[in-house]
PDB file of N, CA and C in Angstrom:
ATOM      1  N   MET A   1      82.026 165.010 207.710  1.00  0.00           N
ATOM      2  CA  MET A   1      81.757 166.311 208.287  1.00  0.00           C
ATOM      3  C   MET A   1      83.066 167.005 208.625  1.00  0.00           C
ATOM      4  N   GLN A   2      84.094 166.253 209.039  1.00  0.00           N
ATOM      5  CA  GLN A   2      85.290 166.870 209.360  1.00  0.00           C
ATOM      6  C   GLN A   2      86.013 167.525 208.118  1.00  0.00           C
ATOM      7  N   LYS A   3      85.790 166.792 206.993  1.00  0.00           N
ATOM      8  CA  LYS A   3      86.403 167.299 205.752  1.00  0.00           C
ATOM      9  C   LYS A   3      85.737 168.599 205.420  1.00  0.00           C
ATOM     10  N   ALA A   4      84.424 168.812 205.529  1.00  0.00           N
ATOM     11  CA  ALA A   4      83.782 170.061 205.252  1.00  0.00           C
ATOM     12  C   ALA A   4      84.290 171.164 206.123  1.00  0.00           C
ATOM     13  N   LEU A   5      84.499 170.892 207.384  1.00  0.00           N
ATOM     14  CA  LEU A   5      85.064 171.924 208.250  1.00  0.00           C
ATOM     15  C   LEU A   5      86.504 172.387 207.864  1.00  0.00           C
ATOM     16  N   LEU A   6      87.247 171.360 207.394  1.00  0.00           N
ATOM     17  CA  LEU A   6      88.616 171.720 206.985  1.00  0.00           C
ATOM     18  C   LEU A   6      88.585 172.516 205.695  1.00  0.00           C
ATOM     19  N   ILE A   7      87.764 172.200 204.827  1.00  0.00           N
ATOM     20  CA  ILE A   7      87.644 172.821 203.478  1.00  0.00           C
ATOM     21  C   ILE A   7      87.093 174.256 203.690  1.00  0.00           C
ATOM     22  N   SER A   8      86.266 174.480 204.696  1.00  0.00           N
ATOM     23  CA  SER A   8      85.768 175.796 204.985  1.00  0.00           C
ATOM     24  C   SER A   8      86.825 176.746 205.486  1.00  0.00           C
ATOM     25  N   ILE A   9      87.754 176.192 206.320  1.00  0.00           N
ATOM     26  CA  ILE A   9      88.894 176.916 206.840  1.00  0.00           C
ATOM     27  C   ILE A   9      89.851 177.234 205.695  1.00  0.00           C
ATOM     28  N   LEU A  10      90.100 176.309 204.864  1.00  0.00           N
ATOM     29  CA  LEU A  10      91.002 176.533 203.703  1.00  0.00           C
ATOM     30  C   LEU A  10      90.465 177.525 202.718  1.00  0.00           C
ATOM     31  N   ALA A  11      89.146 177.512 202.506  1.00  0.00           N
ATOM     32  CA  ALA A  11      88.535 178.536 201.603  1.00  0.00           C
ATOM     33  C   ALA A  11      88.633 179.857 202.182  1.00  0.00           C
ATOM     34  N   ALA A  12      88.418 180.050 203.481  1.00  0.00           N
ATOM     35  CA  ALA A  12      88.545 181.331 204.111  1.00  0.00           C
ATOM     36  C   ALA A  12      89.963 181.768 204.037  1.00  0.00           C
ATOM     37  N   THR A  13      90.950 180.940 204.089  1.00  0.00           N
ATOM     38  CA  THR A  13      92.296 181.332 204.008  1.00  0.00           C
ATOM     39  C   THR A  13      92.609 181.977 202.666  1.00  0.00           C
ATOM     40  N   ILE A  14      91.933 181.429 201.666  1.00  0.00           N
ATOM     41  CA  ILE A  14      92.117 181.999 200.347  1.00  0.00           C
ATOM     42  C   ILE A  14      91.282 183.226 200.014  1.00  0.00           C
ATOM     43  N   VAL A  15      89.978 183.170 200.451  1.00  0.00           N
ATOM     44  CA  VAL A  15      88.967 184.230 200.110  1.00  0.00           C
ATOM     45  C   VAL A  15      89.249 185.493 200.836  1.00  0.00           C
ATOM     46  N   ILE A  16      89.686 185.511 202.099  1.00  0.00           N
ATOM     47  CA  ILE A  16      89.809 186.738 202.892  1.00  0.00           C
ATOM     48  C   ILE A  16      90.928 187.529 202.322  1.00  0.00           C
ATOM     49  N   PRO A  17      92.141 186.985 202.013  1.00  0.00           N
ATOM     50  CA  PRO A  17      93.077 187.907 201.322  1.00  0.00           C
ATOM     51  C   PRO A  17      92.669 188.377 199.997  1.00  0.00           C
ATOM     52  N   LEU A  18      91.956 187.612 199.200  1.00  0.00           N
ATOM     53  CA  LEU A  18      91.479 188.174 197.859  1.00  0.00           C
ATOM     54  C   LEU A  18      90.512 189.298 198.075  1.00  0.00           C
ATOM     55  N   PHE A  19      89.641 189.154 199.059  1.00  0.00           N
ATOM     56  CA  PHE A  19      88.717 190.247 199.444  1.00  0.00           C
ATOM     57  C   PHE A  19      89.455 191.505 199.886  1.00  0.00           C
ATOM     58  N   ALA A  20      90.432 191.261 200.746  1.00  0.00           N
ATOM     59  CA  ALA A  20      91.170 192.436 201.268  1.00  0.00           C
ATOM     60  C   ALA A  20      92.063 193.154 200.243  1.00  0.00           C
ATOM     61  N   SER A  21      92.525 192.351 199.229  1.00  0.00           N
ATOM     62  CA  SER A  21      93.461 192.990 198.245  1.00  0.00           C
ATOM     63  C   SER A  21      92.794 193.940 197.363  1.00  0.00           C
ATOM     64  N   ARG A  22      91.385 194.110 197.373  1.00  0.00           N
ATOM     65  CA  ARG A  22      90.785 195.145 196.580  1.00  0.00           C
ATOM     66  C   ARG A  22      90.809 196.537 197.172  1.00  0.00           C
ATOM     67  N   GLY A  23      91.408 196.549 198.454  1.00  0.00           N
ATOM     68  CA  GLY A  23      91.569 197.922 199.049  1.00  0.00           C
ATOM     69  C   GLY A  23      92.504 198.728 198.344  1.00  0.00           C
ATOM     70  N   GLY A  24      92.324 200.077 198.262  1.00  0.00           N
ATOM     71  CA  GLY A  24      93.127 200.896 197.604  1.00  0.00           C
ATOM     72  C   GLY A  24      94.575 201.109 198.157  1.00  0.00           C
ATOM     73  N   THR A  25      94.550 201.219 199.472  1.00  0.00           N
ATOM     74  CA  THR A  25      95.834 201.443 200.132  1.00  0.00           C
ATOM     75  C   THR A  25      96.101 200.236 201.141  1.00  0.00           C
ATOM     76  N   VAL A  26      97.253 200.193 201.602  1.00  0.00           N
ATOM     77  CA  VAL A  26      97.651 199.071 202.561  1.00  0.00           C
ATOM     78  C   VAL A  26      96.756 199.131 203.842  1.00  0.00           C
ATOM     79  N   LYS A  27      96.506 200.347 204.265  1.00  0.00           N
ATOM     80  CA  LYS A  27      95.712 200.569 205.472  1.00  0.00           C
ATOM     81  C   LYS A  27      94.254 199.974 205.237  1.00  0.00           C
ATOM     82  N   GLN A  28      93.660 200.258 204.143  1.00  0.00           N
ATOM     83  CA  GLN A  28      92.379 199.828 203.722  1.00  0.00           C
ATOM     84  C   GLN A  28      92.352 198.276 203.656  1.00  0.00           C
ATOM     85  N   ALA A  29      93.400 197.774 203.005  1.00  0.00           N
ATOM     86  CA  ALA A  29      93.549 196.285 202.807  1.00  0.00           C
ATOM     87  C   ALA A  29      93.611 195.650 204.176  1.00  0.00           C
ATOM     88  N   VAL A  30      94.441 196.131 205.168  1.00  0.00           N
ATOM     89  CA  VAL A  30      94.591 195.502 206.486  1.00  0.00           C
ATOM     90  C   VAL A  30      93.260 195.586 207.168  1.00  0.00           C
ATOM     91  N   ARG A  31      92.591 196.696 207.074  1.00  0.00           N
ATOM     92  CA  ARG A  31      91.233 196.881 207.751  1.00  0.00           C
ATOM     93  C   ARG A  31      90.252 195.891 207.239  1.00  0.00           C
ATOM     94  N   ARG A  32      90.194 195.831 205.920  1.00  0.00           N
ATOM     95  CA  ARG A  32      89.209 194.863 205.297  1.00  0.00           C
ATOM     96  C   ARG A  32      89.501 193.431 205.708  1.00  0.00           C
ATOM     97  N   SER A  33      90.790 193.132 205.807  1.00  0.00           N
ATOM     98  CA  SER A  33      91.155 191.742 206.167  1.00  0.00           C
ATOM     99  C   SER A  33      90.824 191.488 207.618  1.00  0.00           C
ATOM    100  N   ALA A  34      91.020 192.425 208.506  1.00  0.00           N
ATOM    101  CA  ALA A  34      90.689 192.216 209.864  1.00  0.00           C
ATOM    102  C   ALA A  34      89.191 192.103 210.056  1.00  0.00           C
ATOM    103  N   ILE A  35      88.365 192.889 209.386  1.00  0.00           N
ATOM    104  CA  ILE A  35      86.926 192.879 209.452  1.00  0.00           C
ATOM    105  C   ILE A  35      86.442 191.533 208.939  1.00  0.00           C
ATOM    106  N   ALA A  36      86.950 191.187 207.780  1.00  0.00           N
ATOM    107  CA  ALA A  36      86.522 189.855 207.154  1.00  0.00           C
ATOM    108  C   ALA A  36      86.971 188.709 208.063  1.00  0.00           C
ATOM    109  N   THR A  37      88.079 188.664 208.630  1.00  0.00           N
ATOM    110  CA  THR A  37      88.483 187.579 209.560  1.00  0.00           C
ATOM    111  C   THR A  37      87.611 187.583 210.808  1.00  0.00           C
ATOM    112  N   ALA A  38      87.209 188.706 211.325  1.00  0.00           N
ATOM    113  CA  ALA A  38      86.282 188.693 212.515  1.00  0.00           C
ATOM    114  C   ALA A  38      84.938 188.219 212.104  1.00  0.00           C
ATOM    115  N   VAL A  39      84.376 188.613 210.937  1.00  0.00           N
ATOM    116  CA  VAL A  39      83.058 188.152 210.515  1.00  0.00           C
ATOM    117  C   VAL A  39      83.128 186.638 210.278  1.00  0.00           C
ATOM    118  N   PHE A  40      84.180 186.090 209.664  1.00  0.00           N
ATOM    119  CA  PHE A  40      84.361 184.698 209.451  1.00  0.00           C
ATOM    120  C   PHE A  40      84.321 183.901 210.697  1.00  0.00           C
ATOM    121  N   CYS A  41      85.061 184.357 211.757  1.00  0.00           N
ATOM    122  CA  CYS A  41      85.231 183.708 213.017  1.00  0.00           C
ATOM    123  C   CYS A  41      83.884 183.721 213.671  1.00  0.00           C
ATOM    124  N   VAL A  42      83.070 184.801 213.658  1.00  0.00           N
ATOM    125  CA  VAL A  42      81.780 184.741 214.314  1.00  0.00           C
ATOM    126  C   VAL A  42      80.827 183.872 213.557  1.00  0.00           C
ATOM    127  N   LEU A  43      80.755 183.875 212.265  1.00  0.00           N
ATOM    128  CA  LEU A  43      79.916 183.033 211.486  1.00  0.00           C
ATOM    129  C   LEU A  43      80.338 181.490 211.656  1.00  0.00           C
ATOM    130  N   TYR A  44      81.658 181.283 211.712  1.00  0.00           N
ATOM    131  CA  TYR A  44      82.189 179.917 211.924  1.00  0.00           C
ATOM    132  C   TYR A  44      81.707 179.383 213.332  1.00  0.00           C
ATOM    133  N   TRP A  45      81.819 180.180 214.375  1.00  0.00           N
ATOM    134  CA  TRP A  45      81.467 179.933 215.679  1.00  0.00           C
ATOM    135  C   TRP A  45      80.025 179.533 215.669  1.00  0.00           C
ATOM    136  N   LEU A  46      79.124 180.387 215.093  1.00  0.00           N
ATOM    137  CA  LEU A  46      77.725 180.125 215.111  1.00  0.00           C
ATOM    138  C   LEU A  46      77.333 178.828 214.385  1.00  0.00           C
ATOM    139  N   GLY A  47      78.148 178.544 213.316  1.00  0.00           N
ATOM    140  CA  GLY A  47      77.856 177.371 212.532  1.00  0.00           C
ATOM    141  C   GLY A  47      78.234 176.122 213.382  1.00  0.00           C
ATOM    142  N   LEU A  48      79.336 176.258 214.084  1.00  0.00           N
ATOM    143  CA  LEU A  48      79.674 175.057 215.028  1.00  0.00           C
ATOM    144  C   LEU A  48      78.710 174.946 216.136  1.00  0.00           C
ATOM    145  N   LEU A  49      78.146 176.100 216.599  1.00  0.00           N
ATOM    146  CA  LEU A  49      77.299 175.995 217.750  1.00  0.00           C
ATOM    147  C   LEU A  49      75.934 175.441 217.429  1.00  0.00           C
ATOM    148  N   PHE A  50      75.370 175.925 216.236  1.00  0.00           N
ATOM    149  CA  PHE A  50      74.020 175.503 215.947  1.00  0.00           C
ATOM    150  C   PHE A  50      73.867 174.504 214.707  1.00  0.00           C
ATOM    151  N   VAL A  51      74.592 174.642 213.711  1.00  0.00           N
ATOM    152  CA  VAL A  51      74.441 173.824 212.509  1.00  0.00           C
ATOM    153  C   VAL A  51      75.168 172.522 212.687  1.00  0.00           C
ATOM    154  N   TYR A  52      76.357 172.435 213.140  1.00  0.00           N
ATOM    155  CA  TYR A  52      77.184 171.218 213.229  1.00  0.00           C
ATOM    156  C   TYR A  52      76.426 170.196 214.188  1.00  0.00           C
ATOM    157  N   PRO A  53      75.977 170.624 215.303  1.00  0.00           N
ATOM    158  CA  PRO A  53      75.213 169.551 216.114  1.00  0.00           C
ATOM    159  C   PRO A  53      73.988 168.999 215.501  1.00  0.00           C
ATOM    160  N   ALA A  54      73.280 169.804 214.701  1.00  0.00           N
ATOM    161  CA  ALA A  54      72.084 169.356 213.933  1.00  0.00           C
ATOM    162  C   ALA A  54      72.467 168.352 212.838  1.00  0.00           C
ATOM    163  N   LEU A  55      73.608 168.511 212.406  1.00  0.00           N
ATOM    164  CA  LEU A  55      73.988 167.559 211.273  1.00  0.00           C
ATOM    165  C   LEU A  55      74.601 166.233 211.751  1.00  0.00           C
ATOM    166  N   THR A  56      75.075 166.151 213.073  1.00  0.00           N
ATOM    167  CA  THR A  56      75.609 164.972 213.533  1.00  0.00           C
ATOM    168  C   THR A  56      74.530 164.091 214.137  1.00  0.00           C
ATOM    169  N   PRO A  57      74.568 162.713 213.950  1.00  0.00           N
ATOM    170  CA  PRO A  57      73.501 161.856 214.459  1.00  0.00           C
ATOM    171  C   PRO A  57      73.632 161.808 216.041  1.00  0.00           C
ATOM    172  N   ALA A  58      72.402 161.814 216.641  1.00  0.00           N
ATOM    173  CA  ALA A  58      72.403 161.719 218.132  1.00  0.00           C
ATOM    174  C   ALA A  58      72.742 160.327 218.565  1.00  0.00           C
ATOM    175  N   LYS A  59      73.416 160.276 219.701  1.00  0.00           N
ATOM    176  CA  LYS A  59      73.870 159.008 220.294  1.00  0.00           C
ATOM    177  C   LYS A  59      72.719 158.356 221.010  1.00  0.00           C
ATOM    178  N   ARG A  60      72.480 157.107 220.758  1.00  0.00           N
ATOM    179  CA  ARG A  60      71.374 156.388 221.431  1.00  0.00           C
ATOM    180  C   ARG A  60      71.909 155.854 222.804  1.00  0.00           C
ATOM    181  N   SER A  61      70.987 155.827 223.741  1.00  0.00           N
ATOM    182  CA  SER A  61      71.376 155.199 225.027  1.00  0.00           C
ATOM    183  C   SER A  61      71.243 153.771 224.923  1.00  0.00           C
ATOM    184  N   THR A  62      72.094 153.019 225.553  1.00  0.00           N
ATOM    185  CA  THR A  62      72.154 151.594 225.549  1.00  0.00           C
ATOM    186  C   THR A  62      71.050 150.923 226.509  1.00  0.00           C
ATOM    187  N   GLY A  63      70.635 151.768 227.442  1.00  0.00           N
ATOM    188  CA  GLY A  63      69.710 151.164 228.441  1.00  0.00           C
ATOM    189  C   GLY A  63      70.346 150.260 229.494  1.00  0.00           C
ATOM    190  N   SER A  64      71.579 150.488 229.726  1.00  0.00           N
ATOM    191  CA  SER A  64      72.297 149.631 230.664  1.00  0.00           C
ATOM    192  C   SER A  64      71.815 149.896 232.127  1.00  0.00           C
ATOM    193  N   ASN A  65      71.310 151.042 232.415  1.00  0.00           N
ATOM    194  CA  ASN A  65      70.804 151.415 233.697  1.00  0.00           C
ATOM    195  C   ASN A  65      69.496 150.790 234.062  1.00  0.00           C
ATOM    196  N   SER A  66      68.662 150.273 233.086  1.00  0.00           N
ATOM    197  CA  SER A  66      67.292 149.789 233.318  1.00  0.00           C
ATOM    198  C   SER A  66      67.364 148.219 233.694  1.00  0.00           C
ATOM    199  N   SER A  67      68.446 147.584 233.822  1.00  0.00           N
ATOM    200  CA  SER A  67      68.515 146.188 234.203  1.00  0.00           C
ATOM    201  C   SER A  67      68.581 146.081 235.700  1.00  0.00           C
ATOM    202  N   GLN A  68      67.367 145.762 236.328  1.00  0.00           N
ATOM    203  CA  GLN A  68      67.304 145.615 237.687  1.00  0.00           C
ATOM    204  C   GLN A  68      66.629 144.373 238.074  1.00  0.00           C
TER     205      GLN A  68
END
């Protein structure tokens, strides 16, 4: 799972500048890059908040408190 997180960050590092480079002027390219970075950060945060916990196995309790 950690490898998938790392690959997604590396992919965004490549995709966001490619997306921004289609802007006609430098101002448009910087604006597109800032918007794409903000969108990626929000989507990444939501993925870490909701998707990542669902993919990791739940820890089992050992029941050490029940020995009386």
